[in-house]
Amino acid sequence: MKINEIKSLSIGQLNARLKELNSELFNLRFSHATRNLASPMQIHNVKKEIARVKTVIREKEIAAAAKGGNDGK
């Protein structure tokens, strides 16, 4: 997924995507350990996408906290 596509998702969708990616990473690592992985770059690409999704989740959390205000202080 491109970063623009990731940013257009809601937090719930991002969390679901993150769960899918973690599962995919587990499967890729298992395949790599059993020497059935076609391209080790797949692991690298999935890790990068996990980082992108986590970054966007955090950005949205910060934006939501900023929108909430100063908590009355």
PDB file of N, CA and C in Angstrom:
ATOM      1  N   MET A   1       0.834  -1.189   0.000  1.00  0.00           N
ATOM      2  CA  MET A   1       0.000   0.000   0.000  1.00  0.00           C
ATOM      3  C   MET A   1       0.871   1.241   0.000  1.00  0.00           C
ATOM      4  N   LYS A   2       0.397   2.238  -0.673  1.00  0.00           N
ATOM      5  CA  LYS A   2       1.069   3.527  -0.675  1.00  0.00           C
ATOM      6  C   LYS A   2       0.676   4.291   0.586  1.00  0.00           C
ATOM      7  N   ILE A   3       1.485   5.261   0.944  1.00  0.00           N
ATOM      8  CA  ILE A   3       1.249   6.017   2.178  1.00  0.00           C
ATOM      9  C   ILE A   3      -0.073   6.777   2.108  1.00  0.00           C
ATOM     10  N   ASN A   4      -0.435   7.272   0.924  1.00  0.00           N
ATOM     11  CA  ASN A   4      -1.717   7.988   0.788  1.00  0.00           C
ATOM     12  C   ASN A   4      -2.894   7.060   1.044  1.00  0.00           C
ATOM     13  N   GLU A   5      -2.792   5.810   0.603  1.00  0.00           N
ATOM     14  CA  GLU A   5      -3.848   4.836   0.845  1.00  0.00           C
ATOM     15  C   GLU A   5      -3.942   4.511   2.330  1.00  0.00           C
ATOM     16  N   ILE A   6      -2.802   4.413   2.982  1.00  0.00           N
ATOM     17  CA  ILE A   6      -2.771   4.111   4.412  1.00  0.00           C
ATOM     18  C   ILE A   6      -3.385   5.254   5.210  1.00  0.00           C
ATOM     19  N   LYS A   7      -3.055   6.497   4.841  1.00  0.00           N
ATOM     20  CA  LYS A   7      -3.575   7.657   5.569  1.00  0.00           C
ATOM     21  C   LYS A   7      -5.076   7.807   5.423  1.00  0.00           C
ATOM     22  N   SER A   8      -5.642   7.249   4.362  1.00  0.00           N
ATOM     23  CA  SER A   8      -7.081   7.399   4.141  1.00  0.00           C
ATOM     24  C   SER A   8      -7.907   6.405   4.978  1.00  0.00           C
ATOM     25  N   LEU A   9      -7.243   5.434   5.613  1.00  0.00           N
ATOM     26  CA  LEU A   9      -7.947   4.440   6.419  1.00  0.00           C
ATOM     27  C   LEU A   9      -8.247   4.986   7.820  1.00  0.00           C
ATOM     28  N   SER A  10      -9.283   4.438   8.450  1.00  0.00           N
ATOM     29  CA  SER A  10      -9.602   4.819   9.828  1.00  0.00           C
ATOM     30  C   SER A  10      -8.676   4.054  10.784  1.00  0.00           C
ATOM     31  N   ILE A  11      -8.696   4.438  12.043  1.00  0.00           N
ATOM     32  CA  ILE A  11      -7.828   3.779  13.023  1.00  0.00           C
ATOM     33  C   ILE A  11      -8.201   2.307  13.175  1.00  0.00           C
ATOM     34  N   GLY A  12      -9.482   2.002  13.144  1.00  0.00           N
ATOM     35  CA  GLY A  12      -9.922   0.608  13.228  1.00  0.00           C
ATOM     36  C   GLY A  12      -9.411  -0.216  12.054  1.00  0.00           C
ATOM     37  N   GLN A  13      -9.484   0.358  10.858  1.00  0.00           N
ATOM     38  CA  GLN A  13      -8.978  -0.329   9.673  1.00  0.00           C
ATOM     39  C   GLN A  13      -7.462  -0.477   9.737  1.00  0.00           C
ATOM     40  N   LEU A  14      -6.785   0.541  10.267  1.00  0.00           N
ATOM     41  CA  LEU A  14      -5.329   0.477  10.393  1.00  0.00           C
ATOM     42  C   LEU A  14      -4.914  -0.621  11.368  1.00  0.00           C
ATOM     43  N   ASN A  15      -5.651  -0.734  12.478  1.00  0.00           N
ATOM     44  CA  ASN A  15      -5.338  -1.786  13.445  1.00  0.00           C
ATOM     45  C   ASN A  15      -5.562  -3.172  12.844  1.00  0.00           C
ATOM     46  N   ALA A  16      -6.604  -3.315  12.036  1.00  0.00           N
ATOM     47  CA  ALA A  16      -6.859  -4.585  11.358  1.00  0.00           C
ATOM     48  C   ALA A  16      -5.743  -4.888  10.366  1.00  0.00           C
ATOM     49  N   ARG A  17      -5.308  -3.871   9.633  1.00  0.00           N
ATOM     50  CA  ARG A  17      -4.208  -4.046   8.658  1.00  0.00           C
ATOM     51  C   ARG A  17      -2.921  -4.414   9.384  1.00  0.00           C
ATOM     52  N   LEU A  18      -2.678  -3.799  10.532  1.00  0.00           N
ATOM     53  CA  LEU A  18      -1.486  -4.097  11.317  1.00  0.00           C
ATOM     54  C   LEU A  18      -1.492  -5.552  11.778  1.00  0.00           C
ATOM     55  N   LYS A  19      -2.652  -6.030  12.190  1.00  0.00           N
ATOM     56  CA  LYS A  19      -2.767  -7.426  12.613  1.00  0.00           C
ATOM     57  C   LYS A  19      -2.478  -8.364  11.440  1.00  0.00           C
ATOM     58  N   GLU A  20      -3.009  -8.038  10.255  1.00  0.00           N
ATOM     59  CA  GLU A  20      -2.748  -8.844   9.052  1.00  0.00           C
ATOM     60  C   GLU A  20      -1.256  -8.871   8.720  1.00  0.00           C
ATOM     61  N   LEU A  21      -0.627  -7.702   8.801  1.00  0.00           N
ATOM     62  CA  LEU A  21       0.798  -7.610   8.464  1.00  0.00           C
ATOM     63  C   LEU A  21       1.658  -8.386   9.453  1.00  0.00           C
ATOM     64  N   ASN A  22       1.312  -8.330  10.734  1.00  0.00           N
ATOM     65  CA  ASN A  22       2.073  -9.094  11.727  1.00  0.00           C
ATOM     66  C   ASN A  22       1.942 -10.591  11.476  1.00  0.00           C
ATOM     67  N   SER A  23       0.756 -11.031  11.085  1.00  0.00           N
ATOM     68  CA  SER A  23       0.535 -12.429  10.750  1.00  0.00           C
ATOM     69  C   SER A  23       1.341 -12.821   9.516  1.00  0.00           C
ATOM     70  N   GLU A  24       1.337 -11.933   8.520  1.00  0.00           N
ATOM     71  CA  GLU A  24       2.114 -12.192   7.295  1.00  0.00           C
ATOM     72  C   GLU A  24       3.607 -12.263   7.601  1.00  0.00           C
ATOM     73  N   LEU A  25       4.086 -11.374   8.467  1.00  0.00           N
ATOM     74  CA  LEU A  25       5.498 -11.386   8.841  1.00  0.00           C
ATOM     75  C   LEU A  25       5.862 -12.690   9.540  1.00  0.00           C
ATOM     76  N   PHE A  26       4.992 -13.164  10.428  1.00  0.00           N
ATOM     77  CA  PHE A  26       5.228 -14.432  11.106  1.00  0.00           C
ATOM     78  C   PHE A  26       5.359 -15.564  10.085  1.00  0.00           C
ATOM     79  N   ASN A  27       4.425 -15.600   9.130  1.00  0.00           N
ATOM     80  CA  ASN A  27       4.456 -16.647   8.114  1.00  0.00           C
ATOM     81  C   ASN A  27       5.705 -16.565   7.245  1.00  0.00           C
ATOM     82  N   LEU A  28       6.120 -15.344   6.908  1.00  0.00           N
ATOM     83  CA  LEU A  28       7.333 -15.186   6.107  1.00  0.00           C
ATOM     84  C   LEU A  28       8.567 -15.647   6.878  1.00  0.00           C
ATOM     85  N   ARG A  29       8.631 -15.314   8.161  1.00  0.00           N
ATOM     86  CA  ARG A  29       9.768 -15.752   8.976  1.00  0.00           C
ATOM     87  C   ARG A  29       9.790 -17.274   9.089  1.00  0.00           C
ATOM     88  N   PHE A  30       8.624 -17.874   9.224  1.00  0.00           N
ATOM     89  CA  PHE A  30       8.539 -19.332   9.294  1.00  0.00           C
ATOM     90  C   PHE A  30       9.010 -19.949   7.978  1.00  0.00           C
ATOM     91  N   SER A  31       8.572 -19.398   6.862  1.00  0.00           N
ATOM     92  CA  SER A  31       8.999 -19.884   5.552  1.00  0.00           C
ATOM     93  C   SER A  31      10.508 -19.731   5.371  1.00  0.00           C
ATOM     94  N   HIS A  32      11.030 -18.623   5.860  1.00  0.00           N
ATOM     95  CA  HIS A  32      12.471 -18.383   5.749  1.00  0.00           C
ATOM     96  C   HIS A  32      13.256 -19.410   6.573  1.00  0.00           C
ATOM     97  N   ALA A  33      12.750 -19.747   7.741  1.00  0.00           N
ATOM     98  CA  ALA A  33      13.436 -20.713   8.601  1.00  0.00           C
ATOM     99  C   ALA A  33      13.425 -22.110   7.999  1.00  0.00           C
ATOM    100  N   THR A  34      12.382 -22.422   7.240  1.00  0.00           N
ATOM    101  CA  THR A  34      12.307 -23.747   6.622  1.00  0.00           C
ATOM    102  C   THR A  34      12.836 -23.740   5.190  1.00  0.00           C
ATOM    103  N   ARG A  35      13.461 -22.647   4.803  1.00  0.00           N
ATOM    104  CA  ARG A  35      14.101 -22.498   3.482  1.00  0.00           C
ATOM    105  C   ARG A  35      13.104 -22.576   2.324  1.00  0.00           C
ATOM    106  N   ASN A  36      11.882 -22.109   2.538  1.00  0.00           N
ATOM    107  CA  ASN A  36      10.868 -22.105   1.490  1.00  0.00           C
ATOM    108  C   ASN A  36      10.535 -20.703   1.004  1.00  0.00           C
ATOM    109  N   LEU A  37      11.291 -19.714   1.438  1.00  0.00           N
ATOM    110  CA  LEU A  37      10.993 -18.334   1.079  1.00  0.00           C
ATOM    111  C   LEU A  37      11.642 -18.003  -0.263  1.00  0.00           C
ATOM    112  N   ALA A  38      10.839 -17.523  -1.197  1.00  0.00           N
ATOM    113  CA  ALA A  38      11.340 -17.221  -2.532  1.00  0.00           C
ATOM    114  C   ALA A  38      12.253 -15.989  -2.517  1.00  0.00           C
ATOM    115  N   SER A  39      11.838 -14.947  -1.800  1.00  0.00           N
ATOM    116  CA  SER A  39      12.613 -13.710  -1.782  1.00  0.00           C
ATOM    117  C   SER A  39      12.672 -13.151  -0.360  1.00  0.00           C
ATOM    118  N   PRO A  40      13.864 -13.061   0.214  1.00  0.00           N
ATOM    119  CA  PRO A  40      13.994 -12.490   1.557  1.00  0.00           C
ATOM    120  C   PRO A  40      13.581 -11.017   1.629  1.00  0.00           C
ATOM    121  N   MET A  41      13.503 -10.347   0.487  1.00  0.00           N
ATOM    122  CA  MET A  41      13.076  -8.948   0.479  1.00  0.00           C
ATOM    123  C   MET A  41      11.614  -8.805   0.894  1.00  0.00           C
ATOM    124  N   GLN A  42      10.844  -9.875   0.814  1.00  0.00           N
ATOM    125  CA  GLN A  42       9.449  -9.821   1.251  1.00  0.00           C
ATOM    126  C   GLN A  42       9.371  -9.461   2.727  1.00  0.00           C
ATOM    127  N   ILE A  43      10.265 -10.020   3.525  1.00  0.00           N
ATOM    128  CA  ILE A  43      10.297  -9.727   4.965  1.00  0.00           C
ATOM    129  C   ILE A  43      10.571  -8.237   5.170  1.00  0.00           C
ATOM    130  N   HIS A  44      11.545  -7.728   4.447  1.00  0.00           N
ATOM    131  CA  HIS A  44      11.920  -6.317   4.539  1.00  0.00           C
ATOM    132  C   HIS A  44      10.735  -5.420   4.175  1.00  0.00           C
ATOM    133  N   ASN A  45      10.052  -5.755   3.097  1.00  0.00           N
ATOM    134  CA  ASN A  45       8.924  -4.945   2.642  1.00  0.00           C
ATOM    135  C   ASN A  45       7.770  -4.954   3.638  1.00  0.00           C
ATOM    136  N   VAL A  46       7.491  -6.103   4.233  1.00  0.00           N
ATOM    137  CA  VAL A  46       6.410  -6.186   5.224  1.00  0.00           C
ATOM    138  C   VAL A  46       6.778  -5.382   6.466  1.00  0.00           C
ATOM    139  N   LYS A  47       8.029  -5.446   6.901  1.00  0.00           N
ATOM    140  CA  LYS A  47       8.456  -4.656   8.061  1.00  0.00           C
ATOM    141  C   LYS A  47       8.293  -3.162   7.800  1.00  0.00           C
ATOM    142  N   LYS A  48       8.616  -2.726   6.586  1.00  0.00           N
ATOM    143  CA  LYS A  48       8.471  -1.315   6.245  1.00  0.00           C
ATOM    144  C   LYS A  48       7.004  -0.895   6.249  1.00  0.00           C
ATOM    145  N   GLU A  49       6.140  -1.772   5.761  1.00  0.00           N
ATOM    146  CA  GLU A  49       4.723  -1.427   5.758  1.00  0.00           C
ATOM    147  C   GLU A  49       4.162  -1.392   7.172  1.00  0.00           C
ATOM    148  N   ILE A  50       4.632  -2.289   8.036  1.00  0.00           N
ATOM    149  CA  ILE A  50       4.229  -2.257   9.448  1.00  0.00           C
ATOM    150  C   ILE A  50       4.625  -0.913  10.064  1.00  0.00           C
ATOM    151  N   ALA A  51       5.828  -0.458   9.766  1.00  0.00           N
ATOM    152  CA  ALA A  51       6.296   0.826  10.297  1.00  0.00           C
ATOM    153  C   ALA A  51       5.438   1.970   9.775  1.00  0.00           C
ATOM    154  N   ARG A  52       5.062   1.926   8.505  1.00  0.00           N
ATOM    155  CA  ARG A  52       4.205   2.973   7.938  1.00  0.00           C
ATOM    156  C   ARG A  52       2.851   3.014   8.645  1.00  0.00           C
ATOM    157  N   VAL A  53       2.267   1.840   8.835  1.00  0.00           N
ATOM    158  CA  VAL A  53       0.950   1.775   9.475  1.00  0.00           C
ATOM    159  C   VAL A  53       1.036   2.285  10.917  1.00  0.00           C
ATOM    160  N   LYS A  54       2.060   1.871  11.653  1.00  0.00           N
ATOM    161  CA  LYS A  54       2.218   2.336  13.037  1.00  0.00           C
ATOM    162  C   LYS A  54       2.423   3.846  13.093  1.00  0.00           C
ATOM    163  N   THR A  55       3.152   4.391  12.132  1.00  0.00           N
ATOM    164  CA  THR A  55       3.392   5.829  12.092  1.00  0.00           C
ATOM    165  C   THR A  55       2.093   6.583  11.874  1.00  0.00           C
ATOM    166  N   VAL A  56       1.281   6.121  10.938  1.00  0.00           N
ATOM    167  CA  VAL A  56       0.011   6.793  10.653  1.00  0.00           C
ATOM    168  C   VAL A  56      -0.942   6.678  11.843  1.00  0.00           C
ATOM    169  N   ILE A  57      -0.958   5.515  12.497  1.00  0.00           N
ATOM    170  CA  ILE A  57      -1.792   5.362  13.701  1.00  0.00           C
ATOM    171  C   ILE A  57      -1.381   6.390  14.747  1.00  0.00           C
ATOM    172  N   ARG A  58      -0.105   6.524  14.973  1.00  0.00           N
ATOM    173  CA  ARG A  58       0.393   7.471  15.974  1.00  0.00           C
ATOM    174  C   ARG A  58       0.067   8.910  15.582  1.00  0.00           C
ATOM    175  N   GLU A  59       0.216   9.241  14.297  1.00  0.00           N
ATOM    176  CA  GLU A  59      -0.123  10.589  13.841  1.00  0.00           C
ATOM    177  C   GLU A  59      -1.599  10.899  14.106  1.00  0.00           C
ATOM    178  N   LYS A  60      -2.455   9.922  13.838  1.00  0.00           N
ATOM    179  CA  LYS A  60      -3.890  10.132  14.060  1.00  0.00           C
ATOM    180  C   LYS A  60      -4.203  10.249  15.547  1.00  0.00           C
ATOM    181  N   GLU A  61      -3.505   9.502  16.400  1.00  0.00           N
ATOM    182  CA  GLU A  61      -3.707   9.615  17.846  1.00  0.00           C
ATOM    183  C   GLU A  61      -3.297  10.994  18.341  1.00  0.00           C
ATOM    184  N   ILE A  62      -2.183  11.502  17.848  1.00  0.00           N
ATOM    185  CA  ILE A  62      -1.706  12.825  18.250  1.00  0.00           C
ATOM    186  C   ILE A  62      -2.672  13.901  17.781  1.00  0.00           C
ATOM    187  N   ALA A  63      -3.164  13.760  16.544  1.00  0.00           N
ATOM    188  CA  ALA A  63      -4.116  14.734  16.014  1.00  0.00           C
ATOM    189  C   ALA A  63      -5.409  14.724  16.824  1.00  0.00           C
ATOM    190  N   ALA A  64      -5.870  13.551  17.228  1.00  0.00           N
ATOM    191  CA  ALA A  64      -7.087  13.449  18.026  1.00  0.00           C
ATOM    192  C   ALA A  64      -6.880  14.072  19.405  1.00  0.00           C
ATOM    193  N   ALA A  65      -5.701  13.883  19.991  1.00  0.00           N
ATOM    194  CA  ALA A  65      -5.416  14.462  21.307  1.00  0.00           C
ATOM    195  C   ALA A  65      -5.329  15.979  21.209  1.00  0.00           C
ATOM    196  N   ALA A  66      -4.751  16.487  20.138  1.00  0.00           N
ATOM    197  CA  ALA A  66      -4.634  17.926  19.957  1.00  0.00           C
ATOM    198  C   ALA A  66      -6.008  18.555  19.723  1.00  0.00           C
ATOM    199  N   LYS A  67      -6.864  17.840  19.023  1.00  0.00           N
ATOM    200  CA  LYS A  67      -8.200  18.339  18.762  1.00  0.00           C
ATOM    201  C   LYS A  67      -9.026  18.379  20.050  1.00  0.00           C
ATOM    202  N   GLY A  68      -8.703  17.465  20.967  1.00  0.00           N
ATOM    203  CA  GLY A  68      -9.424  17.397  22.233  1.00  0.00           C
ATOM    204  C   GLY A  68      -9.189  18.590  23.130  1.00  0.00           C
ATOM    205  N   GLY A  69      -8.101  19.273  22.962  1.00  0.00           N
ATOM    206  CA  GLY A  69      -7.828  20.470  23.766  1.00  0.00           C
ATOM    207  C   GLY A  69      -6.837  20.211  24.873  1.00  0.00           C
ATOM    208  N   ASN A  70      -6.856  21.090  25.870  1.00  0.00           N
ATOM    209  CA  ASN A  70      -5.897  21.043  26.964  1.00  0.00           C
ATOM    210  C   ASN A  70      -6.439  20.369  28.203  1.00  0.00           C
ATOM    211  N   ASP A  71      -7.532  19.675  28.136  1.00  0.00           N
ATOM    212  CA  ASP A  71      -8.145  18.986  29.259  1.00  0.00           C
ATOM    213  C   ASP A  71      -8.558  19.960  30.376  1.00  0.00           C
ATOM    214  N   GLY A  72      -8.917  21.171  30.023  1.00  0.00           N
ATOM    215  CA  GLY A  72      -9.433  22.135  30.987  1.00  0.00           C
ATOM    216  C   GLY A  72      -8.400  22.796  31.849  1.00  0.00           C
ATOM    217  N   LYS A  73      -7.144  22.740  31.529  1.00  0.00           N
ATOM    218  CA  LYS A  73      -6.097  23.374  32.342  1.00  0.00           C
ATOM    219  C   LYS A  73      -5.774  24.755  31.852  1.00  0.00           C
TER     220      LYS A  73
END
